[in-house]
Amino acid sequence: MKNENEIAIQKLNDIDIPYETKRQILKDLSKPYFEMFLYYECAIKEVETKLEILDKEYSMDSELNPIDSIKSRVKSLESIIDKLIKKNAPFSIESIEKNVRDIAGLRVICNFPEDVYKIRNGLLKQDDVTLIEEKDYIKNPKENGYRSLHLIIETPIYLSTGKKLMKVEVQIRTIAENFWASLEHQIHYKKNINYDKDIIDDLKKVAEDSAKLDLKMQQLKKRIYDVTEKED
């Protein structure tokens, strides 16, 4: 027995169905997906607001904002479809929500390594934020040198119909880590070539140097603030 979507699609192929009817059928078919993307956009706003409040709160104690910038995105439908195909999962709203957990994504760029965990802890302490998954590529870098803290969290959005729980991916990294990751992505993924071992080793070495620079800058900050506190 055919479901409602299959019947609607069959009508689209019927030459005797008026244009306006077909147009309405298409609108009805696409509406759940437009709603889904809207919900993920709302989830991003919810989490982004939480992060901005944390940034302001922490800056009151140290006079330094731990967050340098926040970037967000909702994964495109094309990328969602690619992910479903890789997982051999069906295409439906239910399947998307079950199998694709990074549709809503935020990248939080922090000034120092300690700020990464300060923001992480502050976010996860909130009673309407649930940690689903955590991957710490700062303490355990990827083989190529990539460093970042990845969180999948669940948080509610509030609609006229009630509360809806949404999953959001939050990546937190330092300026130096983001510098490396952004340029490595440009170099690695924009060229359809195989890299020799020397290039791979050099990229990893730059990542290690960036990590050392992060720690050195953090130590310098501490020294400067220690001197300032003594003078006060």
C-alpha atoms as a PDB file:
ATOM      1  CA  MET A   1       0.000   0.000   0.000  1.00  0.00           C
ATOM      2  CA  LYS A   2       1.378   3.406  -0.999  1.00  0.00           C
ATOM      3  CA  ASN A   3       1.994   6.091   1.621  1.00  0.00           C
ATOM      4  CA  GLU A   4       0.824   9.704   1.272  1.00  0.00           C
ATOM      5  CA  ASN A   5       4.153  10.919  -0.162  1.00  0.00           C
ATOM      6  CA  GLU A   6       4.194   8.243  -2.840  1.00  0.00           C
ATOM      7  CA  ILE A   7       0.634   9.124  -3.841  1.00  0.00           C
ATOM      8  CA  ALA A   8       1.534  12.827  -3.988  1.00  0.00           C
ATOM      9  CA  ILE A   9       4.589  12.166  -6.173  1.00  0.00           C
ATOM     10  CA  GLN A  10       2.467  10.024  -8.499  1.00  0.00           C
ATOM     11  CA  LYS A  11       0.075  12.965  -8.908  1.00  0.00           C
ATOM     12  CA  LEU A  12       2.978  15.218  -9.934  1.00  0.00           C
ATOM     13  CA  ASN A  13       3.592  12.930 -12.906  1.00  0.00           C
ATOM     14  CA  ASP A  14      -0.047  12.991 -13.956  1.00  0.00           C
ATOM     15  CA  ILE A  15      -0.421  15.337 -16.948  1.00  0.00           C
ATOM     16  CA  ASP A  16      -4.103  15.854 -16.188  1.00  0.00           C
ATOM     17  CA  ILE A  17      -3.420  17.415 -12.773  1.00  0.00           C
ATOM     18  CA  PRO A  18      -3.636  21.265 -12.951  1.00  0.00           C
ATOM     19  CA  TYR A  19      -0.476  23.328 -12.423  1.00  0.00           C
ATOM     20  CA  GLU A  20      -1.736  24.996  -9.231  1.00  0.00           C
ATOM     21  CA  THR A  21      -2.552  21.601  -7.731  1.00  0.00           C
ATOM     22  CA  LYS A  22       0.947  20.331  -8.508  1.00  0.00           C
ATOM     23  CA  ARG A  23       2.410  23.489  -7.024  1.00  0.00           C
ATOM     24  CA  GLN A  24       0.480  22.913  -3.800  1.00  0.00           C
ATOM     25  CA  ILE A  25       1.577  19.274  -3.716  1.00  0.00           C
ATOM     26  CA  LEU A  26       5.220  20.354  -3.954  1.00  0.00           C
ATOM     27  CA  LYS A  27       4.729  22.896  -1.167  1.00  0.00           C
ATOM     28  CA  ASP A  28       3.129  20.234   1.045  1.00  0.00           C
ATOM     29  CA  LEU A  29       5.942  17.770   0.337  1.00  0.00           C
ATOM     30  CA  SER A  30       8.687  20.294   1.086  1.00  0.00           C
ATOM     31  CA  LYS A  31       7.092  21.922   4.144  1.00  0.00           C
ATOM     32  CA  PRO A  32       8.399  19.391   6.721  1.00  0.00           C
ATOM     33  CA  TYR A  33      11.966  19.954   5.457  1.00  0.00           C
ATOM     34  CA  PHE A  34      11.680  23.743   5.594  1.00  0.00           C
ATOM     35  CA  GLU A  35      10.377  23.367   9.142  1.00  0.00           C
ATOM     36  CA  MET A  36      13.265  21.065  10.029  1.00  0.00           C
ATOM     37  CA  PHE A  37      15.860  23.594   8.846  1.00  0.00           C
ATOM     38  CA  LEU A  38      14.046  26.356  10.717  1.00  0.00           C
ATOM     39  CA  TYR A  39      14.207  24.321  13.932  1.00  0.00           C
ATOM     40  CA  TYR A  40      17.952  23.806  13.515  1.00  0.00           C
ATOM     41  CA  GLU A  41      18.451  27.527  12.895  1.00  0.00           C
ATOM     42  CA  CYS A  42      16.550  28.207  16.127  1.00  0.00           C
ATOM     43  CA  ALA A  43      18.744  25.687  17.962  1.00  0.00           C
ATOM     44  CA  ILE A  44      21.856  27.509  16.753  1.00  0.00           C
ATOM     45  CA  LYS A  45      20.478  30.799  18.081  1.00  0.00           C
ATOM     46  CA  GLU A  46      19.760  29.194  21.458  1.00  0.00           C
ATOM     47  CA  VAL A  47      23.288  27.815  21.839  1.00  0.00           C
ATOM     48  CA  GLU A  48      24.932  30.927  20.417  1.00  0.00           C
ATOM     49  CA  THR A  49      23.133  33.053  23.020  1.00  0.00           C
ATOM     50  CA  LYS A  50      24.327  30.736  25.786  1.00  0.00           C
ATOM     51  CA  LEU A  51      27.918  31.072  24.556  1.00  0.00           C
ATOM     52  CA  GLU A  52      27.737  34.856  24.291  1.00  0.00           C
ATOM     53  CA  ILE A  53      26.434  35.092  27.865  1.00  0.00           C
ATOM     54  CA  LEU A  54      29.258  32.857  29.112  1.00  0.00           C
ATOM     55  CA  ASP A  55      31.775  35.017  27.263  1.00  0.00           C
ATOM     56  CA  LYS A  56      30.489  38.176  28.937  1.00  0.00           C
ATOM     57  CA  GLU A  57      30.353  36.539  32.359  1.00  0.00           C
ATOM     58  CA  TYR A  58      33.946  35.267  32.220  1.00  0.00           C
ATOM     59  CA  SER A  59      35.235  38.621  30.920  1.00  0.00           C
ATOM     60  CA  MET A  60      34.020  40.271  34.145  1.00  0.00           C
ATOM     61  CA  ASP A  61      36.531  38.241  36.165  1.00  0.00           C
ATOM     62  CA  SER A  62      39.599  38.512  33.949  1.00  0.00           C
ATOM     63  CA  GLU A  63      38.896  41.559  31.739  1.00  0.00           C
ATOM     64  CA  LEU A  64      39.590  39.236  28.821  1.00  0.00           C
ATOM     65  CA  ASN A  65      36.925  37.612  26.688  1.00  0.00           C
ATOM     66  CA  PRO A  66      37.657  33.896  26.345  1.00  0.00           C
ATOM     67  CA  ILE A  67      35.841  33.759  22.987  1.00  0.00           C
ATOM     68  CA  ASP A  68      37.384  35.464  19.981  1.00  0.00           C
ATOM     69  CA  SER A  69      34.570  34.630  17.541  1.00  0.00           C
ATOM     70  CA  ILE A  70      31.655  32.288  16.877  1.00  0.00           C
ATOM     71  CA  LYS A  71      30.704  30.936  13.478  1.00  0.00           C
ATOM     72  CA  SER A  72      27.610  28.892  12.724  1.00  0.00           C
ATOM     73  CA  ARG A  73      26.068  26.974   9.876  1.00  0.00           C
ATOM     74  CA  VAL A  74      23.206  24.635   9.059  1.00  0.00           C
ATOM     75  CA  LYS A  75      24.340  21.702   6.945  1.00  0.00           C
ATOM     76  CA  SER A  76      23.038  21.838   3.379  1.00  0.00           C
ATOM     77  CA  LEU A  77      20.463  19.338   2.143  1.00  0.00           C
ATOM     78  CA  GLU A  78      23.058  18.017  -0.319  1.00  0.00           C
ATOM     79  CA  SER A  79      25.484  17.265   2.533  1.00  0.00           C
ATOM     80  CA  ILE A  80      22.704  15.627   4.542  1.00  0.00           C
ATOM     81  CA  ILE A  81      21.816  13.389   1.599  1.00  0.00           C
ATOM     82  CA  ASP A  82      25.497  12.428   1.131  1.00  0.00           C
ATOM     83  CA  LYS A  83      25.678  11.417   4.792  1.00  0.00           C
ATOM     84  CA  LEU A  84      22.498   9.341   4.574  1.00  0.00           C
ATOM     85  CA  ILE A  85      23.851   7.549   1.490  1.00  0.00           C
ATOM     86  CA  LYS A  86      27.127   6.744   3.287  1.00  0.00           C
ATOM     87  CA  LYS A  87      25.142   5.288   6.188  1.00  0.00           C
ATOM     88  CA  ASN A  88      22.770   3.479   3.817  1.00  0.00           C
ATOM     89  CA  ALA A  89      19.903   5.217   5.635  1.00  0.00           C
ATOM     90  CA  PRO A  90      16.512   6.160   4.140  1.00  0.00           C
ATOM     91  CA  PHE A  91      15.590   9.729   3.271  1.00  0.00           C
ATOM     92  CA  SER A  92      12.970  11.021   5.706  1.00  0.00           C
ATOM     93  CA  ILE A  93      12.712  13.562   8.513  1.00  0.00           C
ATOM     94  CA  GLU A  94      12.904  10.784  11.099  1.00  0.00           C
ATOM     95  CA  SER A  95      15.949   9.232   9.460  1.00  0.00           C
ATOM     96  CA  ILE A  96      17.726  12.594   9.190  1.00  0.00           C
ATOM     97  CA  GLU A  97      17.147  13.395  12.875  1.00  0.00           C
ATOM     98  CA  LYS A  98      18.357   9.926  13.871  1.00  0.00           C
ATOM     99  CA  ASN A  99      21.401   9.567  11.610  1.00  0.00           C
ATOM    100  CA  VAL A 100      22.756  13.107  11.119  1.00  0.00           C
ATOM    101  CA  ARG A 101      23.710  14.768  14.399  1.00  0.00           C
ATOM    102  CA  ASP A 102      25.716  17.720  13.082  1.00  0.00           C
ATOM    103  CA  ILE A 103      23.093  19.507  10.977  1.00  0.00           C
ATOM    104  CA  ALA A 104      23.301  22.512  13.295  1.00  0.00           C
ATOM    105  CA  GLY A 105      26.917  23.455  13.945  1.00  0.00           C
ATOM    106  CA  LEU A 106      28.823  26.145  15.800  1.00  0.00           C
ATOM    107  CA  ARG A 107      32.563  26.760  15.774  1.00  0.00           C
ATOM    108  CA  VAL A 108      33.786  28.632  18.820  1.00  0.00           C
ATOM    109  CA  ILE A 109      37.238  30.212  18.487  1.00  0.00           C
ATOM    110  CA  CYS A 110      38.903  30.835  21.855  1.00  0.00           C
ATOM    111  CA  ASN A 111      41.999  32.851  22.666  1.00  0.00           C
ATOM    112  CA  PHE A 112      43.872  30.334  24.845  1.00  0.00           C
ATOM    113  CA  PRO A 113      43.766  26.565  25.464  1.00  0.00           C
ATOM    114  CA  GLU A 114      42.409  27.019  28.992  1.00  0.00           C
ATOM    115  CA  ASP A 115      39.523  29.047  27.530  1.00  0.00           C
ATOM    116  CA  VAL A 116      38.421  26.063  25.448  1.00  0.00           C
ATOM    117  CA  TYR A 117      37.710  24.004  28.559  1.00  0.00           C
ATOM    118  CA  LYS A 118      36.307  26.980  30.457  1.00  0.00           C
ATOM    119  CA  ILE A 119      33.673  27.432  27.744  1.00  0.00           C
ATOM    120  CA  ARG A 120      33.083  23.690  27.508  1.00  0.00           C
ATOM    121  CA  ASN A 121      32.487  23.343  31.244  1.00  0.00           C
ATOM    122  CA  GLY A 122      30.301  26.436  31.462  1.00  0.00           C
ATOM    123  CA  LEU A 123      28.097  25.220  28.612  1.00  0.00           C
ATOM    124  CA  LEU A 124      27.672  21.687  29.948  1.00  0.00           C
ATOM    125  CA  LYS A 125      26.818  22.902  33.468  1.00  0.00           C
ATOM    126  CA  GLN A 126      23.569  24.399  32.188  1.00  0.00           C
ATOM    127  CA  ASP A 127      20.597  22.268  33.181  1.00  0.00           C
ATOM    128  CA  ASP A 128      18.971  22.390  29.731  1.00  0.00           C
ATOM    129  CA  VAL A 129      22.097  21.178  27.941  1.00  0.00           C
ATOM    130  CA  THR A 130      22.744  17.427  27.684  1.00  0.00           C
ATOM    131  CA  LEU A 131      26.048  16.046  26.412  1.00  0.00           C
ATOM    132  CA  ILE A 132      25.451  13.336  23.798  1.00  0.00           C
ATOM    133  CA  GLU A 133      29.021  12.807  22.603  1.00  0.00           C
ATOM    134  CA  GLU A 134      32.454  14.342  23.161  1.00  0.00           C
ATOM    135  CA  LYS A 135      35.653  13.939  21.156  1.00  0.00           C
ATOM    136  CA  ASP A 136      38.721  15.734  22.471  1.00  0.00           C
ATOM    137  CA  TYR A 137      41.177  16.130  19.603  1.00  0.00           C
ATOM    138  CA  ILE A 138      43.189  18.638  21.653  1.00  0.00           C
ATOM    139  CA  LYS A 139      44.302  16.146  24.288  1.00  0.00           C
ATOM    140  CA  ASN A 140      44.277  13.385  21.641  1.00  0.00           C
ATOM    141  CA  PRO A 141      45.088  15.001  18.257  1.00  0.00           C
ATOM    142  CA  LYS A 142      44.206  13.258  15.016  1.00  0.00           C
ATOM    143  CA  GLU A 143      46.997  11.528  13.142  1.00  0.00           C
ATOM    144  CA  ASN A 144      47.406  14.516  10.779  1.00  0.00           C
ATOM    145  CA  GLY A 145      47.808  16.940  13.708  1.00  0.00           C
ATOM    146  CA  TYR A 146      44.225  18.290  13.816  1.00  0.00           C
ATOM    147  CA  ARG A 147      43.243  19.711  17.209  1.00  0.00           C
ATOM    148  CA  SER A 148      39.758  20.719  18.343  1.00  0.00           C
ATOM    149  CA  LEU A 149      37.175  19.823  20.973  1.00  0.00           C
ATOM    150  CA  HIS A 150      33.971  18.418  19.469  1.00  0.00           C
ATOM    151  CA  LEU A 151      30.705  18.235  21.401  1.00  0.00           C
ATOM    152  CA  ILE A 152      27.323  16.932  20.331  1.00  0.00           C
ATOM    153  CA  ILE A 153      24.773  18.411  22.702  1.00  0.00           C
ATOM    154  CA  GLU A 154      21.010  18.345  22.982  1.00  0.00           C
ATOM    155  CA  THR A 155      19.101  21.452  23.998  1.00  0.00           C
ATOM    156  CA  PRO A 156      15.467  22.544  23.712  1.00  0.00           C
ATOM    157  CA  ILE A 157      13.910  25.162  21.496  1.00  0.00           C
ATOM    158  CA  TYR A 158      10.524  26.560  22.486  1.00  0.00           C
ATOM    159  CA  LEU A 159       7.801  26.692  19.861  1.00  0.00           C
ATOM    160  CA  SER A 160       4.125  27.662  19.988  1.00  0.00           C
ATOM    161  CA  THR A 161       3.365  23.933  20.025  1.00  0.00           C
ATOM    162  CA  GLY A 162       5.737  23.234  22.918  1.00  0.00           C
ATOM    163  CA  LYS A 163       9.321  22.231  23.606  1.00  0.00           C
ATOM    164  CA  LYS A 164      11.411  20.387  21.002  1.00  0.00           C
ATOM    165  CA  LEU A 165      14.816  18.855  21.764  1.00  0.00           C
ATOM    166  CA  MET A 166      17.472  19.550  19.128  1.00  0.00           C
ATOM    167  CA  LYS A 167      20.992  18.229  18.608  1.00  0.00           C
ATOM    168  CA  VAL A 168      23.786  20.713  17.919  1.00  0.00           C
ATOM    169  CA  GLU A 169      27.471  20.156  17.209  1.00  0.00           C
ATOM    170  CA  VAL A 170      29.807  22.589  18.965  1.00  0.00           C
ATOM    171  CA  GLN A 171      33.478  22.697  17.948  1.00  0.00           C
ATOM    172  CA  ILE A 172      35.728  24.645  20.304  1.00  0.00           C
ATOM    173  CA  ARG A 173      39.334  25.440  19.416  1.00  0.00           C
ATOM    174  CA  THR A 174      41.963  28.140  19.813  1.00  0.00           C
ATOM    175  CA  ILE A 175      42.906  30.800  17.262  1.00  0.00           C
ATOM    176  CA  ALA A 176      46.101  28.893  16.470  1.00  0.00           C
ATOM    177  CA  GLU A 177      44.254  25.586  16.080  1.00  0.00           C
ATOM    178  CA  ASN A 178      41.700  27.228  13.827  1.00  0.00           C
ATOM    179  CA  PHE A 179      44.439  28.862  11.744  1.00  0.00           C
ATOM    180  CA  TRP A 180      46.010  25.466  11.097  1.00  0.00           C
ATOM    181  CA  ALA A 181      42.714  23.647  10.478  1.00  0.00           C
ATOM    182  CA  SER A 182      41.420  26.286   8.054  1.00  0.00           C
ATOM    183  CA  LEU A 183      44.572  26.360   5.952  1.00  0.00           C
ATOM    184  CA  GLU A 184      45.043  22.589   6.067  1.00  0.00           C
ATOM    185  CA  HIS A 185      41.489  22.228   4.774  1.00  0.00           C
ATOM    186  CA  GLN A 186      42.215  24.636   1.911  1.00  0.00           C
ATOM    187  CA  ILE A 187      45.433  22.839   1.002  1.00  0.00           C
ATOM    188  CA  HIS A 188      44.219  19.285   1.464  1.00  0.00           C
ATOM    189  CA  TYR A 189      40.667  19.289   0.159  1.00  0.00           C
ATOM    190  CA  LYS A 190      40.854  21.799  -2.682  1.00  0.00           C
ATOM    191  CA  LYS A 191      43.442  19.791  -4.602  1.00  0.00           C
ATOM    192  CA  ASN A 192      42.712  16.345  -5.989  1.00  0.00           C
ATOM    193  CA  ILE A 193      46.200  14.963  -5.425  1.00  0.00           C
ATOM    194  CA  ASN A 194      47.914  12.447  -3.174  1.00  0.00           C
ATOM    195  CA  TYR A 195      50.417  13.950  -0.750  1.00  0.00           C
ATOM    196  CA  ASP A 196      53.860  12.493  -0.229  1.00  0.00           C
ATOM    197  CA  LYS A 197      55.097  11.678   3.263  1.00  0.00           C
ATOM    198  CA  ASP A 198      57.191  14.845   3.555  1.00  0.00           C
ATOM    199  CA  ILE A 199      54.161  17.105   3.059  1.00  0.00           C
ATOM    200  CA  ILE A 200      52.086  15.099   5.554  1.00  0.00           C
ATOM    201  CA  ASP A 201      54.929  15.221   8.090  1.00  0.00           C
ATOM    202  CA  ASP A 202      55.406  18.964   7.569  1.00  0.00           C
ATOM    203  CA  LEU A 203      51.690  19.669   8.104  1.00  0.00           C
ATOM    204  CA  LYS A 204      51.775  17.647  11.317  1.00  0.00           C
ATOM    205  CA  LYS A 205      54.911  19.505  12.447  1.00  0.00           C
ATOM    206  CA  VAL A 206      53.190  22.868  11.869  1.00  0.00           C
ATOM    207  CA  ALA A 207      50.240  21.647  13.982  1.00  0.00           C
ATOM    208  CA  GLU A 208      52.637  20.697  16.782  1.00  0.00           C
ATOM    209  CA  ASP A 209      54.375  24.089  16.535  1.00  0.00           C
ATOM    210  CA  SER A 210      50.984  25.811  16.721  1.00  0.00           C
ATOM    211  CA  ALA A 211      50.160  23.866  19.883  1.00  0.00           C
ATOM    212  CA  LYS A 212      53.453  24.949  21.452  1.00  0.00           C
ATOM    213  CA  LEU A 213      52.722  28.552  20.481  1.00  0.00           C
ATOM    214  CA  ASP A 214      49.315  28.268  22.168  1.00  0.00           C
ATOM    215  CA  LEU A 215      50.875  27.138  25.432  1.00  0.00           C
ATOM    216  CA  LYS A 216      53.621  29.768  25.253  1.00  0.00           C
ATOM    217  CA  MET A 217      51.079  32.563  24.772  1.00  0.00           C
ATOM    218  CA  GLN A 218      49.023  31.211  27.671  1.00  0.00           C
ATOM    219  CA  GLN A 219      52.116  31.221  29.891  1.00  0.00           C
ATOM    220  CA  LEU A 220      52.928  34.800  28.850  1.00  0.00           C
ATOM    221  CA  LYS A 221      49.385  35.891  29.663  1.00  0.00           C
ATOM    222  CA  LYS A 222      49.683  34.355  33.117  1.00  0.00           C
ATOM    223  CA  ARG A 223      53.019  36.078  33.752  1.00  0.00           C
ATOM    224  CA  ILE A 224      51.641  39.450  32.652  1.00  0.00           C
ATOM    225  CA  TYR A 225      48.569  39.127  34.850  1.00  0.00           C
ATOM    226  CA  ASP A 226      50.612  37.931  37.817  1.00  0.00           C
ATOM    227  CA  VAL A 227      52.818  41.040  37.534  1.00  0.00           C
ATOM    228  CA  THR A 228      49.730  43.299  37.189  1.00  0.00           C
ATOM    229  CA  GLU A 229      48.089  41.790  40.274  1.00  0.00           C
ATOM    230  CA  LYS A 230      51.242  42.337  42.352  1.00  0.00           C
ATOM    231  CA  GLU A 231      51.432  45.984  41.267  1.00  0.00           C
ATOM    232  CA  ASP A 232      47.782  46.497  42.255  1.00  0.00           C
END
